[in-house]
C-alpha cells in the first residue's frame, strides 16, 4: 500500500495533540511558592479569624418569630421610605439612588433583610448583659406573637420583648437563662475604614454562620431606612436572617448590629449596613430602663446645603452645614433666636455636615442640657445657646396632618417660562382643596414643563411656592408679577416649596434651550 506522507503527518500531529490533551506531555503544576514568612502571616490571620469566631458564637442567638396574623407579609416588602421631613424616615439622597439604579437596576433599594415566609421568620441577636437581655433589630420582633431563642449549644427558650424602637431599628428581648456570656461592646466612634470585621448570625436559618470582610464606609446617613441613621457599611456577606446579629472586630468586640442590605436580587451584593454599637447601646440602655427611648428635638426642619443654595444665602460654596427650612413656634430653636434661612455649621462642639447626621446628634443629645449652636446668617457667623426638649414636646405640622391627593380647580395662571412653571396666587378655597394649612400664603403651581429645572427638582402641580431667597433672606412670595420680575433678572432661584403641610427648599436654574 502506498503511503501518503501528508496523511502520515496529520496522524502524527493529531496523536501528539491527543497525548498532550490527556496530560502525558503536560507538566504538573508545582506547589505555590509562598515564603515561610508569608505562610506564618496567613496562618496567623486564619488563627485570628478562628479565635474571634470561637469567642463570639456562644453569645450569638437565632431568633424564631411568629408574627401576628396579617403582619407577616409586611416584612417581605422592600423597605421604602417616602415621607415628609420632621419625624418621618428620610429618603435616600439623589446620589445614592442614582448609584443604586446604576449598579443594581431600577428596582434596587435598601432593604431590611429578614423573613422568608409570611407570618414567621428567623433573625439573629446577641447576649447584651448577664441579666438575660438580648439585642436585635426592631423589624425582627415587631408585631411578634411568639418569640423563641436558640443558643449556640441547641438550647431553646421563650423570650419576651422588653422594648423596641422603630426609629433606630433596635429592640431588646429577654430570656430567663442568664448563663451565656454577653459580648463585650466596642467603641464604634473609633472605627476606621478598611478594618477587618466578622458578621455572625443565622442567614437563611443557618445558625452560627460567620462571614468576614472589612468596613467599607462609616456614617452612611442618607440610606433612607431608619429615621436616625449613621450606618457602618461592610462587605462582610449579610443575608436574610442576619438581621440583629453582631458585627464584631478582631478583638471580639461587637461594634455594630447588622440591619440591612442593598441588593438587586434580595441576596448579598457586598453592601451591608450595621447600626453603630454606640447608638445601639444608647437605645438599648433606655429600653431596658424605661421600655422606651427618649429622643430630643429642637424644632427645626432642615434642607441640605448645596453649593447653589449657599450662593443664594451668601455663604461660601465649600461650606459644610444644613439650612433651616422652618422653625416650630415656641420650640427651643425659636427661643434660641434661630430663623428660617440660617445655616447651622456646629452643634455641641461638633461640626455639622448634613441633615441626617445633625438630626442624629440632636436626637441623642440630653434633654434640658444647654448646647452651643453655631450658624451663619447673611454670611456672618453667630453662636447661640439651645436647650433640647423631649421629642413629644415638639410636633411638626406635617405630623399633625396627612395630606391627601385631590383634583384641584385649575385657575387662570401665569407662566414663569424660563424655569418651567405656571403659577397662580393661592386662594383660601384652593388651600382647603389641597389640605394646605389655612395660614399658608404663596403661589400655587398649576403646571410644570417636562424636562425643565422645576421638573428635575421634583416640583409638581399643586405645590405652593411660599418664599424665595432674595438678598440672602427668605422673602414671602404672593405676587405673580414680583415672581416674574425676579425670574427675569436671575439665572437661579432658590424657592421654598410646600406640599400639604411639608416644605423643602430647592434651587431652580434657568432653562437655556
Protein backbone atom coordinates (compact mmCIF):
# COMPACT_ATOMS: atom_id res chain seq x y z
CA UNK A 1 0.00 0.00 0.00
CA UNK A 2 1.33 3.35 -0.94
CA UNK A 3 1.75 5.66 2.00
CA UNK A 4 0.57 9.23 1.77
CA UNK A 5 3.15 11.44 3.53
CA UNK A 6 0.56 14.15 4.18
CA UNK A 7 -1.79 11.67 5.86
CA UNK A 8 1.05 10.32 7.96
CA UNK A 9 1.99 13.85 9.08
CA UNK A 10 -1.60 14.59 10.06
CA UNK A 11 -1.73 11.33 12.05
CA UNK A 12 1.43 12.24 13.95
CA UNK A 13 0.18 15.75 14.79
CA UNK A 14 -3.24 14.51 15.94
CA UNK A 15 -1.64 11.80 18.07
CA UNK A 16 0.63 14.33 19.71
CA UNK A 17 -2.34 16.57 20.43
CA UNK A 18 -4.23 13.64 21.92
CA UNK A 19 -1.36 12.71 24.17
CA UNK A 20 -0.95 16.34 25.21
CA UNK A 21 -4.68 16.68 25.99
CA UNK A 22 -4.59 13.63 28.25
CA UNK A 23 -1.84 15.22 30.24
CA UNK A 24 1.03 12.88 29.42
CA UNK A 25 3.12 15.68 27.92
CA UNK A 26 1.87 18.42 30.27
CA UNK A 27 3.94 19.12 33.40
CA UNK A 28 2.11 19.01 36.71
CA UNK A 29 1.74 22.42 38.38
CA UNK A 30 4.17 22.99 41.17
CA UNK A 31 3.07 23.82 44.68
CA UNK A 32 2.59 27.58 45.24
CA UNK A 33 5.80 29.25 46.23
CA UNK A 34 4.98 31.01 49.50
CA UNK A 35 7.75 32.22 51.73
CA UNK A 36 7.89 30.99 55.28
CA UNK A 37 7.08 34.50 56.44
CA UNK A 38 4.04 34.59 54.15
CA UNK A 39 2.86 31.21 55.41
CA UNK A 40 3.21 32.39 59.01
CA UNK A 41 1.23 35.54 58.24
CA UNK A 42 -1.56 33.58 56.53
CA UNK A 43 -1.65 31.08 59.38
CA UNK A 44 -1.77 33.89 61.95
CA UNK A 45 -4.68 35.57 60.13
CA UNK A 46 -6.54 32.27 59.85
CA UNK A 47 -5.96 31.58 63.54
CA UNK A 48 -7.19 35.08 64.40
CA UNK A 49 -10.45 34.60 62.48
CA UNK A 50 -10.92 31.23 64.14
CA UNK A 51 -10.31 32.67 67.58
CA UNK A 52 -12.79 35.52 67.05
CA UNK A 53 -15.44 33.10 65.76
CA UNK A 54 -14.93 30.75 68.73
CA UNK A 55 -15.18 33.71 71.11
CA UNK A 56 -18.26 35.34 69.57
CA UNK A 57 -20.53 32.44 68.63
CA UNK A 58 -21.52 31.39 72.19
CA UNK A 59 -23.04 34.86 72.62
CA UNK A 60 -24.99 34.87 69.32
CA UNK A 61 -28.53 33.52 69.13
CA UNK A 62 -31.07 32.58 66.50
CA UNK A 63 -34.47 34.23 66.97
CA UNK A 64 -37.56 32.49 65.60
CA UNK A 65 -40.62 34.74 65.47
CA UNK A 66 -44.28 34.01 64.89
CA UNK A 67 -45.95 37.18 63.64
CA UNK A 68 -49.45 38.29 64.46
CA UNK A 69 -51.93 37.40 61.76
CA UNK A 70 -51.80 39.79 58.81
CA UNK A 71 -48.39 41.19 59.69
CA UNK A 72 -46.06 38.66 58.06
CA UNK A 73 -46.34 39.99 54.53
CA UNK A 74 -45.22 43.42 55.62
CA UNK A 75 -41.78 42.02 56.30
CA UNK A 76 -41.42 40.66 52.77
CA UNK A 77 -41.62 44.00 51.04
CA UNK A 78 -38.59 46.02 50.14
CA UNK A 79 -38.42 48.81 52.62
CA UNK A 80 -39.24 52.17 51.01
CA UNK A 81 -39.44 55.37 52.95
CA UNK A 82 -41.13 58.25 51.22
CA UNK A 83 -42.44 60.84 53.59
CA UNK A 84 -42.18 64.38 54.86
CA UNK A 85 -39.42 65.76 56.99
CA UNK A 86 -39.75 66.31 60.69
CA UNK A 87 -40.18 62.92 62.27
CA UNK A 88 -40.56 60.52 59.34
CA UNK A 89 -37.70 58.42 57.90
CA UNK A 90 -35.77 60.31 55.25
CA UNK A 91 -35.49 59.41 51.61
CA UNK A 92 -32.19 58.24 50.12
CA UNK A 93 -30.16 61.06 48.66
CA UNK A 94 -30.35 61.54 44.86
CA UNK A 95 -26.70 60.46 44.52
CA UNK A 96 -27.36 57.28 46.47
CA UNK A 97 -30.48 56.50 44.44
CA UNK A 98 -28.54 57.03 41.21
CA UNK A 99 -25.86 54.62 42.46
CA UNK A 100 -28.50 52.00 43.16
CA UNK A 101 -30.03 52.36 39.72
CA UNK A 102 -26.65 52.26 38.01
CA UNK A 103 -25.33 49.16 39.71
CA UNK A 104 -28.41 47.19 40.72
CA UNK A 105 -31.13 48.24 38.29
CA UNK A 106 -34.26 50.37 38.70
CA UNK A 107 -35.81 48.17 41.40
CA UNK A 108 -32.85 48.06 43.79
CA UNK A 109 -33.47 49.77 47.11
CA UNK A 110 -32.06 49.42 50.61
CA UNK A 111 -33.94 46.64 52.37
CA UNK A 112 -34.09 45.13 55.80
CA UNK A 113 -33.10 41.54 55.09
CA UNK A 114 -35.43 39.45 57.16
CA UNK A 115 -38.18 36.96 56.74
CA UNK A 116 -38.71 34.20 54.21
CA UNK A 117 -42.33 33.12 54.82
CA UNK A 118 -45.48 35.07 55.71
CA UNK A 119 -46.20 35.00 59.42
CA UNK A 120 -42.90 33.57 60.58
CA UNK A 121 -39.25 34.33 60.26
CA UNK A 122 -35.80 33.85 61.64
CA UNK A 123 -33.46 36.61 62.68
CA UNK A 124 -30.42 36.93 64.88
CA UNK A 125 -29.37 38.61 68.11
CA UNK A 126 -26.67 38.61 70.73
CA UNK A 127 -26.44 38.45 74.51
CA UNK A 128 -26.22 42.01 75.80
CA UNK A 129 -25.70 41.53 79.55
CA UNK A 130 -25.76 38.90 82.31
CA UNK A 131 -29.43 39.54 83.11
CA UNK A 132 -30.90 37.74 80.12
CA UNK A 133 -31.20 40.75 77.80
CA UNK A 134 -30.63 40.16 74.09
CA UNK A 135 -30.24 42.90 71.47
CA UNK A 136 -31.71 42.50 67.99
CA UNK A 137 -33.49 44.60 65.34
CA UNK A 138 -36.91 46.12 65.85
CA UNK A 139 -38.04 44.70 62.50
CA UNK A 140 -37.15 41.19 63.68
CA UNK A 141 -39.56 41.20 66.64
CA UNK A 142 -42.07 43.85 65.55
CA UNK A 143 -45.66 42.57 65.88
CA UNK A 144 -44.37 39.28 67.30
CA UNK A 145 -46.89 36.93 68.88
CA UNK A 146 -44.34 34.34 69.90
CA UNK A 147 -40.54 34.52 70.17
CA UNK A 148 -38.16 31.61 70.66
CA UNK A 149 -34.42 31.97 71.13
CA UNK A 150 -31.98 29.22 70.22
CA UNK A 151 -28.47 29.36 71.71
CA UNK A 152 -25.31 28.02 70.11
CA UNK A 153 -25.50 24.75 72.07
CA UNK A 154 -29.03 23.98 70.87
CA UNK A 155 -30.90 25.15 73.99
CA UNK A 156 -34.22 26.79 73.04
CA UNK A 157 -36.14 29.15 75.33
CA UNK A 158 -39.05 31.56 75.03
CA UNK A 159 -38.40 35.31 75.06
CA UNK A 160 -40.44 38.45 75.66
CA UNK A 161 -39.98 41.96 74.26
CA UNK A 162 -38.59 44.44 76.77
CA UNK A 163 -38.83 47.36 74.38
CA UNK A 164 -38.29 48.28 70.75
CA UNK A 165 -37.58 51.44 68.81
CA UNK A 166 -38.59 51.71 65.16
CA UNK A 167 -36.68 54.98 64.68
CA UNK A 168 -33.28 53.31 65.17
CA UNK A 169 -34.43 49.72 64.42
CA UNK A 170 -33.13 48.44 67.76
CA UNK A 171 -35.03 46.11 70.10
CA UNK A 172 -34.29 44.31 73.37
CA UNK A 173 -35.81 40.95 74.29
CA UNK A 174 -35.34 38.96 77.49
CA UNK A 175 -34.94 35.30 78.43
CA UNK A 176 -34.77 33.67 81.86
CA UNK A 177 -31.49 31.90 81.12
CA UNK A 178 -28.52 34.05 82.12
CA UNK A 179 -25.68 31.51 81.81
CA UNK A 180 -24.47 32.66 78.37
CA UNK A 181 -21.68 35.25 78.12
CA UNK A 182 -22.50 38.76 76.87
CA UNK A 183 -20.41 40.12 74.03
CA UNK A 184 -18.07 42.94 75.05
CA UNK A 185 -19.04 46.26 73.48
CA UNK A 186 -16.60 48.15 71.31
CA UNK A 187 -16.44 51.89 70.69
CA UNK A 188 -17.89 52.40 67.22
CA UNK A 189 -16.71 56.03 67.15
CA UNK A 190 -13.12 54.82 66.83
CA UNK A 191 -13.62 52.60 63.79
CA UNK A 192 -11.68 53.12 60.59
CA UNK A 193 -12.44 52.25 57.01
CA UNK A 194 -10.56 49.11 56.00
CA UNK A 195 -10.68 47.35 59.38
CA UNK A 196 -11.35 43.62 59.34
CA UNK A 197 -14.76 42.63 60.73
CA UNK A 198 -16.87 39.50 61.14
CA UNK A 199 -20.65 39.14 60.89
CA UNK A 200 -22.26 36.37 62.94
CA UNK A 201 -25.86 35.22 62.62
CA UNK A 202 -28.39 32.89 61.05
CA UNK A 203 -28.61 33.62 57.31
CA UNK A 204 -31.34 31.51 55.70
CA UNK A 205 -31.84 29.85 59.11
CA UNK A 206 -28.27 28.51 59.07
CA UNK A 207 -27.39 29.27 62.68
CA UNK A 208 -23.89 30.11 63.89
CA UNK A 209 -22.70 31.25 60.46
CA UNK A 210 -19.77 33.63 60.24
CA UNK A 211 -18.64 35.79 57.33
CA UNK A 212 -15.71 38.15 57.11
CA UNK A 213 -14.91 41.39 55.34
CA UNK A 214 -13.87 44.94 56.00
CA UNK A 215 -15.50 48.20 56.97
CA UNK A 216 -16.29 49.78 53.61
CA UNK A 217 -17.52 53.16 54.88
CA UNK A 218 -18.69 54.93 58.01
CA UNK A 219 -21.56 57.31 58.83
CA UNK A 220 -23.79 56.28 55.94
CA UNK A 221 -26.65 58.52 56.95
CA UNK A 222 -28.71 59.08 53.81
CA UNK A 223 -29.70 55.49 53.12
CA UNK A 224 -33.36 56.15 53.87
CA UNK A 225 -34.16 53.09 56.00
CA UNK A 226 -34.39 54.45 59.55
CA UNK A 227 -35.28 57.86 60.87
CA UNK A 228 -31.99 58.03 62.75
CA UNK A 229 -29.07 56.69 60.70
CA UNK A 230 -25.31 56.56 60.87
CA UNK A 231 -24.67 53.13 59.36
CA UNK A 232 -21.43 51.19 59.21
CA UNK A 233 -21.14 49.84 55.66
CA UNK A 234 -19.42 46.48 55.28
CA UNK A 235 -18.72 43.95 52.55
CA UNK A 236 -18.88 41.05 55.01
CA UNK A 237 -21.67 38.96 53.43
CA UNK A 238 -25.02 39.65 55.12
CA UNK A 239 -28.15 37.82 54.01
CA UNK A 240 -31.73 37.19 55.08
CA UNK A 241 -31.73 36.10 58.70
CA UNK A 242 -28.59 38.05 59.67
CA UNK A 243 -30.78 40.89 60.96
CA UNK A 244 -29.99 41.70 64.57
CA UNK A 245 -26.75 39.74 64.69
CA UNK A 246 -23.46 41.31 65.75
CA UNK A 247 -20.72 42.79 63.61
CA UNK A 248 -17.53 42.23 65.61
CA UNK A 249 -13.98 43.48 65.31
CA UNK A 250 -10.84 41.37 65.51
CA UNK A 251 -10.81 41.69 69.29
CA UNK A 252 -14.24 40.08 69.52
CA UNK A 253 -15.95 43.33 70.47
CA UNK A 254 -19.39 43.97 68.98
CA UNK A 255 -19.15 47.23 67.05
CA UNK A 256 -22.44 47.11 65.15
CA UNK A 257 -25.85 45.45 64.77
CA UNK A 258 -26.40 44.01 61.28
CA UNK A 259 -29.55 45.55 59.90
CA UNK A 260 -29.90 45.95 56.12
CA UNK A 261 -28.52 45.27 52.68
CA UNK A 262 -28.58 46.85 49.26
CA UNK A 263 -29.35 44.27 46.62
CA UNK A 264 -30.86 43.89 43.19
CA UNK A 265 -31.63 40.22 43.83
CA UNK A 266 -32.52 40.05 47.56
CA UNK A 267 -29.17 38.29 48.08
CA UNK A 268 -25.80 39.61 49.11
CA UNK A 269 -24.12 42.04 46.73
CA UNK A 270 -21.35 43.17 49.08
CA UNK A 271 -23.16 46.18 50.53
CA UNK A 272 -24.43 45.63 54.06
CA UNK A 273 -25.31 48.09 56.78
CA UNK A 274 -24.89 47.78 60.55
CA UNK A 275 -26.16 50.13 63.25
CA UNK A 276 -23.16 51.53 65.20
CA UNK A 277 -22.85 49.97 68.63
CA UNK A 278 -22.65 53.34 70.38
CA UNK A 279 -26.13 54.19 69.08
CA UNK A 280 -27.39 50.68 69.79
CA UNK A 281 -26.05 50.82 73.36
CA UNK A 282 -27.69 54.19 74.00
CA UNK A 283 -31.04 52.92 72.75
CA UNK A 284 -30.79 49.53 74.47
CA UNK A 285 -29.94 51.15 77.82
CA UNK A 286 -33.07 53.31 77.67
CA UNK A 287 -35.24 50.40 76.56
CA UNK A 288 -34.05 48.25 79.47
CA UNK A 289 -34.55 51.08 81.95
CA UNK A 290 -37.84 52.59 80.77
CA UNK A 291 -39.15 50.41 77.97
CA UNK A 292 -38.95 53.31 75.54
CA UNK A 293 -36.43 55.74 74.06
CA UNK A 294 -36.26 59.42 74.95
CA UNK A 295 -35.17 61.31 71.87
CA UNK A 296 -34.60 65.05 71.89
CA UNK A 297 -35.71 67.77 69.45
CA UNK A 298 -35.06 71.46 68.96
CA UNK A 299 -37.82 72.22 66.45
CA UNK A 300 -36.31 72.91 63.05
CA UNK A 301 -36.92 71.40 59.62
CA UNK A 302 -33.76 71.02 57.57
CA UNK A 303 -32.58 71.28 53.99
CA UNK A 304 -29.16 70.15 52.71
CA UNK A 305 -26.75 72.99 51.96
CA UNK A 306 -25.96 72.67 48.25
CA UNK A 307 -23.46 74.96 46.50
CA UNK A 308 -26.34 76.59 44.63
CA UNK A 309 -28.26 77.25 47.83
CA UNK A 310 -25.10 78.52 49.52
CA UNK A 311 -24.70 81.12 46.75
CA UNK A 312 -28.24 82.32 47.30
CA UNK A 313 -27.64 82.70 51.03
CA UNK A 314 -24.31 84.48 50.63
CA UNK A 315 -22.32 81.56 52.03
CA UNK A 316 -19.09 80.15 50.62
CA UNK A 317 -19.91 77.21 48.33
CA UNK A 318 -17.46 74.93 50.15
CA UNK A 319 -19.22 75.44 53.50
CA UNK A 320 -20.49 72.30 55.23
CA UNK A 321 -23.75 72.63 57.11
CA UNK A 322 -27.54 72.50 56.92
CA UNK A 323 -30.15 75.13 56.10
CA UNK A 324 -33.05 75.79 58.44
CA UNK A 325 -36.18 75.47 56.32
CA UNK A 326 -38.65 76.33 59.06
CA UNK A 327 -38.81 76.83 62.82
CA UNK A 328 -41.57 75.37 65.02
CA UNK A 329 -43.28 78.12 67.06
CA UNK A 330 -42.36 78.17 70.76
CA UNK A 331 -39.72 75.49 70.19
CA UNK A 332 -36.16 75.57 71.62
CA UNK A 333 -34.96 76.80 68.22
CA UNK A 334 -37.31 79.79 68.24
CA UNK A 335 -36.35 80.58 71.84
CA UNK A 336 -32.67 80.47 70.82
CA UNK A 337 -33.34 83.03 68.08
CA UNK A 338 -32.85 80.71 65.09
CA UNK A 339 -34.61 81.71 61.88
CA UNK A 340 -35.54 80.32 58.52
CA UNK A 341 -32.53 80.54 56.20
CA UNK A 342 -29.88 80.27 58.92
CA UNK A 343 -27.08 77.83 58.07
CA UNK A 344 -26.14 75.61 61.02
CA UNK A 345 -22.46 74.62 60.96
CA UNK A 346 -21.87 73.43 64.54
CA UNK A 347 -23.70 71.82 67.46
CA UNK A 348 -22.40 70.86 70.88
CA UNK A 349 -18.78 71.34 69.87
CA UNK A 350 -19.07 69.14 66.76
CA UNK A 351 -19.22 70.18 63.13
CA UNK A 352 -22.47 69.78 61.21
CA UNK A 353 -22.11 68.27 57.72
CA UNK A 354 -25.53 67.10 56.60
CA UNK A 355 -29.17 66.90 57.78
CA UNK A 356 -29.11 63.21 58.73
CA UNK A 357 -26.05 63.33 60.98
CA UNK A 358 -27.21 66.59 62.57
CA UNK A 359 -30.64 65.12 63.24
CA UNK A 360 -29.00 62.14 64.96
CA UNK A 361 -26.76 64.39 67.06
CA UNK A 362 -29.75 66.38 68.26
CA UNK A 363 -31.91 63.29 68.84
CA UNK A 364 -29.30 61.62 71.05
CA UNK A 365 -28.41 64.77 72.99
CA UNK A 366 -29.50 65.20 76.61
CA UNK A 367 -32.88 66.75 77.26
CA UNK A 368 -32.76 70.02 79.26
CA UNK A 369 -29.00 70.35 78.81
CA UNK A 370 -27.77 73.56 77.11
CA UNK A 371 -25.72 73.24 73.92
CA UNK A 372 -23.93 75.79 71.79
CA UNK A 373 -25.24 76.00 68.24
CA UNK A 374 -23.16 77.81 65.62
CA UNK A 375 -24.82 79.20 62.50
CA UNK A 376 -24.37 81.65 59.64
CA UNK A 377 -26.84 84.44 58.96
CA UNK A 378 -26.26 86.62 55.91
CA UNK A 379 -22.74 85.23 55.75
CA UNK A 380 -21.83 86.15 59.33
CA UNK A 381 -21.09 83.52 61.99
CA UNK A 382 -23.15 83.60 65.17
CA UNK A 383 -23.46 81.40 68.27
CA UNK A 384 -26.50 80.77 70.45
CA UNK A 385 -27.38 78.51 73.35
CA UNK A 386 -30.13 75.99 72.75
CA UNK A 387 -31.79 73.56 75.16
CA UNK A 388 -33.28 70.41 73.55
CA UNK A 389 -36.59 69.06 74.85
CA UNK A 390 -38.24 65.66 74.70
CA UNK A 391 -39.36 64.79 71.18
CA UNK A 392 -43.05 64.68 72.13
CA UNK A 393 -42.83 68.33 73.18
CA UNK A 394 -42.10 69.47 69.61
CA UNK A 395 -44.58 68.42 66.94
CA UNK A 396 -44.06 69.35 63.31
CA UNK A 397 -47.01 70.45 61.25
CA UNK A 398 -46.63 67.52 58.87
CA UNK A 399 -47.02 65.14 61.80
CA UNK A 400 -50.37 66.67 62.65
CA UNK A 401 -51.77 66.36 59.16
CA UNK A 402 -51.58 63.85 56.37
CA UNK A 403 -52.23 65.49 53.01
CA UNK A 404 -54.43 63.66 50.51
CA UNK A 405 -54.17 63.71 46.79
CA UNK A 406 -57.14 65.52 45.24
CA UNK A 407 -58.06 67.08 41.97
CA UNK A 408 -57.85 70.87 42.17
CA UNK A 409 -59.60 73.51 40.21
CA UNK A 410 -57.29 74.89 37.53
CA UNK A 411 -57.28 78.70 37.88
CA UNK A 412 -56.09 81.22 35.35
CA UNK A 413 -52.31 81.08 35.52
CA UNK A 414 -49.19 82.99 34.62
CA UNK A 415 -46.07 81.49 33.05
CA UNK A 416 -42.59 81.62 34.52
CA UNK A 417 -41.29 80.20 31.25
CA UNK A 418 -37.54 80.13 31.84
CA UNK A 419 -37.97 77.95 34.92
CA UNK A 420 -40.72 75.74 33.50
CA UNK A 421 -43.54 76.84 35.80
CA UNK A 422 -47.04 78.20 35.63
CA UNK A 423 -48.31 79.77 38.85
CA UNK A 424 -51.37 81.49 40.33
CA UNK A 425 -51.93 83.17 43.72
CA UNK A 426 -53.13 80.65 46.29
CA UNK A 427 -56.69 81.35 47.40
CA UNK A 428 -58.29 80.10 50.64
CA UNK A 429 -60.58 77.86 48.59
CA UNK A 430 -57.68 76.23 46.78
CA UNK A 431 -55.71 75.87 50.03
CA UNK A 432 -58.67 73.98 51.50
CA UNK A 433 -58.82 71.68 48.49
CA UNK A 434 -55.10 70.96 48.81
CA UNK A 435 -55.40 70.43 52.58
CA UNK A 436 -52.68 73.02 52.98
CA UNK A 437 -52.59 74.80 56.36
CA UNK A 438 -55.06 77.70 56.28
CA UNK A 439 -52.36 80.24 57.12
CA UNK A 440 -50.31 79.33 54.03
CA UNK A 441 -49.76 82.16 51.56
CA UNK A 442 -47.93 81.87 48.25
CA UNK A 443 -48.15 80.95 44.60
CA UNK A 444 -49.87 77.75 43.53
CA UNK A 445 -48.03 75.73 40.88
CA UNK A 446 -50.61 74.85 38.21
CA UNK A 447 -48.28 73.33 35.61
CA UNK A 448 -44.70 72.07 35.35
CA UNK A 449 -42.97 71.74 31.99
CA UNK A 450 -41.46 68.34 31.33
CA UNK A 451 -37.65 68.43 31.28
CA UNK A 452 -37.50 71.82 33.00
CA UNK A 453 -35.43 72.65 36.06
CA UNK A 454 -38.61 72.66 38.14
CA UNK A 455 -39.49 69.15 36.98
CA UNK A 456 -35.96 67.89 37.69
CA UNK A 457 -36.18 69.23 41.24
CA UNK A 458 -39.43 67.37 41.84
CA UNK A 459 -41.85 70.29 41.83
CA UNK A 460 -45.36 69.16 40.92
CA UNK A 461 -48.74 70.64 40.12
CA UNK A 462 -50.43 71.53 43.40
CA UNK A 463 -47.22 72.57 45.18
CA UNK A 464 -47.13 76.05 46.68
CA UNK A 465 -44.15 78.40 46.40
CA UNK A 466 -44.25 80.22 49.72
CA UNK A 467 -40.99 82.16 49.62
CA UNK A 468 -37.92 82.97 47.55
CA UNK A 469 -34.41 83.77 48.74
CA UNK A 470 -33.63 87.39 47.91
CA UNK A 471 -30.76 89.42 49.34
CA UNK A 472 -29.66 86.33 51.29
CA UNK A 473 -33.02 86.02 53.07
CA UNK A 474 -36.23 84.12 52.58
CA UNK A 475 -38.84 86.58 51.33
CA UNK A 476 -42.58 85.73 51.21
CA UNK A 477 -43.86 85.36 47.66
CA UNK A 478 -47.53 86.08 46.94
CA UNK A 479 -47.32 88.24 43.83
CA UNK A 480 -47.08 86.62 40.41
CA UNK A 481 -45.75 89.86 38.96
CA UNK A 482 -42.99 90.09 41.56
CA UNK A 483 -42.09 86.47 40.91
CA UNK A 484 -41.95 87.07 37.15
CA UNK A 485 -39.73 90.12 37.62
CA UNK A 486 -37.38 88.25 39.91
CA UNK A 487 -37.23 85.31 37.46
CA UNK A 488 -36.41 87.64 34.57
CA UNK A 489 -33.40 89.04 36.45
CA UNK A 490 -31.95 85.76 37.75
CA UNK A 491 -30.35 82.64 36.32
CA UNK A 492 -31.03 80.81 39.59
CA UNK A 493 -33.94 80.99 42.02
CA UNK A 494 -33.98 79.41 45.47
CA UNK A 495 -37.61 78.70 46.27
CA UNK A 496 -39.28 77.19 49.30
CA UNK A 497 -41.95 74.76 48.13
CA UNK A 498 -44.79 73.48 50.30
CA UNK A 499 -46.72 70.29 49.57
CA UNK A 500 -49.55 69.83 52.04
CA UNK A 501 -48.02 70.68 55.42
CA UNK A 502 -44.44 69.70 54.45
CA UNK A 503 -41.91 72.03 52.83
CA UNK A 504 -38.44 71.99 51.29
CA UNK A 505 -36.08 74.40 49.56
CA UNK A 506 -34.73 73.85 46.05
CA UNK A 507 -32.65 75.93 43.64
CA UNK A 508 -34.04 76.28 40.11
CA UNK A 509 -31.84 77.02 37.12
CA UNK A 510 -32.96 78.95 34.06
CA UNK A 511 -33.51 76.78 31.00
CA UNK A 512 -31.00 77.63 28.26
CA UNK A 513 -32.55 75.57 25.47
